[in-house]
């Protein structure tokens, strides 16, 4: 069983979506956590667009990275540049991955345009998560 941490700035959108998909694709092969350099609460729009794709993240919580410093992670995935720069040191043989996804919480426009941006970013993260599990989790 592998331990995976997904790290973002506020642990509200991108890291929550990634946690949901990584759990979905990895199944029993990994324990997946997400955290932020800060905590902003889980964004309701992220919960909605994940539910639209059949993944329930409504019980997720927004956690600070310091809560997980004692877990022996195999993988730490940063999903924004800010988190990559501020990521703390994790001891051991930790494999780091980085992909800077756009922040859907910064989307502008009417409701439909904002929802479409959340879905666009969700779909990008879904592809990343599926490929990550396929290539790294055995």
Protein backbone atom coordinates (compact mmCIF):
# COMPACT_ATOMS: atom_id res chain seq x y z
CA UNK A 1 0.00 0.00 0.00
CA UNK A 2 1.42 3.36 -1.10
CA UNK A 3 0.88 6.68 0.69
CA UNK A 4 0.17 9.65 -1.57
CA UNK A 5 -0.12 13.30 -0.54
CA UNK A 6 -1.59 15.89 -2.91
CA UNK A 7 -0.57 19.40 -1.95
CA UNK A 8 -2.02 22.73 -3.05
CA UNK A 9 -2.24 26.26 -1.68
CA UNK A 10 -5.58 26.14 0.14
CA UNK A 11 -6.71 22.50 -0.13
CA UNK A 12 -10.06 23.65 -1.49
CA UNK A 13 -10.26 22.71 -5.21
CA UNK A 14 -7.40 21.18 -7.18
CA UNK A 15 -5.98 18.99 -4.41
CA UNK A 16 -9.47 17.87 -3.37
CA UNK A 17 -10.33 16.88 -6.95
CA UNK A 18 -6.99 15.09 -7.32
CA UNK A 19 -7.51 13.23 -4.04
CA UNK A 20 -10.92 12.06 -5.24
CA UNK A 21 -9.63 10.76 -8.56
CA UNK A 22 -6.47 9.20 -7.14
CA UNK A 23 -8.60 7.30 -4.59
CA UNK A 24 -10.93 6.25 -7.38
CA UNK A 25 -8.20 5.00 -9.72
CA UNK A 26 -5.85 3.52 -7.08
CA UNK A 27 -8.54 1.74 -5.08
CA UNK A 28 -7.03 -0.39 -2.32
CA UNK A 29 -3.48 0.06 -3.65
CA UNK A 30 -2.96 3.48 -2.03
CA UNK A 31 -3.94 5.72 0.86
CA UNK A 32 -4.49 9.18 -0.54
CA UNK A 33 -4.40 12.42 1.43
CA UNK A 34 -4.66 16.04 0.41
CA UNK A 35 -3.50 19.16 2.21
CA UNK A 36 -2.72 22.79 1.74
CA UNK A 37 -0.06 25.25 2.73
CA UNK A 38 -3.14 27.06 4.09
CA UNK A 39 -6.70 25.79 4.61
CA UNK A 40 -9.56 27.48 2.77
CA UNK A 41 -12.32 24.87 3.21
CA UNK A 42 -13.56 22.53 0.51
CA UNK A 43 -15.01 24.53 -2.38
CA UNK A 44 -18.69 23.58 -2.96
CA UNK A 45 -18.20 23.93 -6.73
CA UNK A 46 -15.45 21.28 -6.60
CA UNK A 47 -17.84 18.96 -4.74
CA UNK A 48 -20.53 19.62 -7.37
CA UNK A 49 -18.40 18.97 -10.45
CA UNK A 50 -16.96 15.81 -8.92
CA UNK A 51 -20.47 14.56 -8.13
CA UNK A 52 -21.33 15.23 -11.79
CA UNK A 53 -18.61 12.69 -12.65
CA UNK A 54 -19.77 10.15 -10.05
CA UNK A 55 -17.11 10.88 -7.39
CA UNK A 56 -18.34 11.96 -3.94
CA UNK A 57 -15.89 14.28 -2.16
CA UNK A 58 -18.55 15.88 0.06
CA UNK A 59 -17.02 14.36 3.22
CA UNK A 60 -13.51 15.66 2.45
CA UNK A 61 -12.01 18.19 4.83
CA UNK A 62 -9.52 20.97 4.20
CA UNK A 63 -6.32 20.03 6.02
CA UNK A 64 -3.01 21.76 6.66
CA UNK A 65 0.15 20.01 5.46
CA UNK A 66 1.59 20.06 8.99
CA UNK A 67 -1.05 17.48 10.00
CA UNK A 68 0.69 14.90 7.81
CA UNK A 69 4.38 15.47 8.50
CA UNK A 70 4.69 12.13 10.34
CA UNK A 71 3.19 9.97 7.58
CA UNK A 72 5.79 8.10 5.47
CA UNK A 73 4.71 9.25 2.02
CA UNK A 74 5.84 7.43 -1.08
CA UNK A 75 4.63 10.23 -3.35
CA UNK A 76 4.03 13.94 -2.87
CA UNK A 77 2.20 15.60 -5.75
CA UNK A 78 2.03 19.39 -5.87
CA UNK A 79 -0.75 20.72 -8.07
CA UNK A 80 0.17 24.40 -8.06
CA UNK A 81 3.43 26.33 -8.23
CA UNK A 82 2.89 27.98 -4.84
CA UNK A 83 2.63 24.60 -3.11
CA UNK A 84 5.71 23.33 -4.92
CA UNK A 85 7.73 26.29 -3.66
CA UNK A 86 6.40 26.04 -0.09
CA UNK A 87 6.34 22.25 0.21
CA UNK A 88 7.99 21.11 3.45
CA UNK A 89 10.65 18.43 3.61
CA UNK A 90 9.36 14.88 3.97
CA UNK A 91 12.01 12.39 5.16
CA UNK A 92 12.63 9.08 3.46
CA UNK A 93 12.44 8.05 -0.15
CA UNK A 94 9.67 10.38 -1.26
CA UNK A 95 9.06 10.75 -4.97
CA UNK A 96 7.89 14.26 -5.87
CA UNK A 97 5.70 15.12 -8.81
CA UNK A 98 4.50 18.53 -9.90
CA UNK A 99 1.81 19.74 -12.26
CA UNK A 100 0.59 23.34 -12.13
CA UNK A 101 -3.15 23.18 -12.82
CA UNK A 102 -5.15 26.40 -13.32
CA UNK A 103 -7.08 27.49 -10.23
CA UNK A 104 -10.80 27.17 -11.03
CA UNK A 105 -11.67 29.20 -7.93
CA UNK A 106 -10.26 32.23 -9.76
CA UNK A 107 -12.64 31.79 -12.71
CA UNK A 108 -14.62 34.84 -13.75
CA UNK A 109 -17.91 35.11 -15.58
CA UNK A 110 -21.47 34.03 -15.07
CA UNK A 111 -22.40 30.84 -13.22
CA UNK A 112 -22.25 28.67 -16.33
CA UNK A 113 -18.80 29.97 -17.30
CA UNK A 114 -17.45 29.32 -13.80
CA UNK A 115 -18.92 25.81 -13.76
CA UNK A 116 -17.37 25.13 -17.17
CA UNK A 117 -13.95 26.21 -15.88
CA UNK A 118 -14.29 23.91 -12.87
CA UNK A 119 -15.20 21.05 -15.23
CA UNK A 120 -12.30 21.84 -17.56
CA UNK A 121 -9.80 21.74 -14.69
CA UNK A 122 -11.50 18.66 -13.23
CA UNK A 123 -11.06 16.85 -16.53
CA UNK A 124 -7.37 17.82 -16.70
CA UNK A 125 -6.83 16.49 -13.17
CA UNK A 126 -8.75 13.30 -13.98
CA UNK A 127 -6.40 12.53 -16.88
CA UNK A 128 -3.36 13.31 -14.73
CA UNK A 129 -4.60 11.09 -11.88
CA UNK A 130 -5.43 8.17 -14.17
CA UNK A 131 -1.99 8.35 -15.78
CA UNK A 132 -0.25 8.74 -12.42
CA UNK A 133 -1.87 5.61 -11.02
CA UNK A 134 -1.24 3.65 -14.24
CA UNK A 135 2.45 4.59 -14.25
CA UNK A 136 3.27 4.54 -10.52
CA UNK A 137 0.87 2.43 -8.46
CA UNK A 138 1.18 -1.32 -8.88
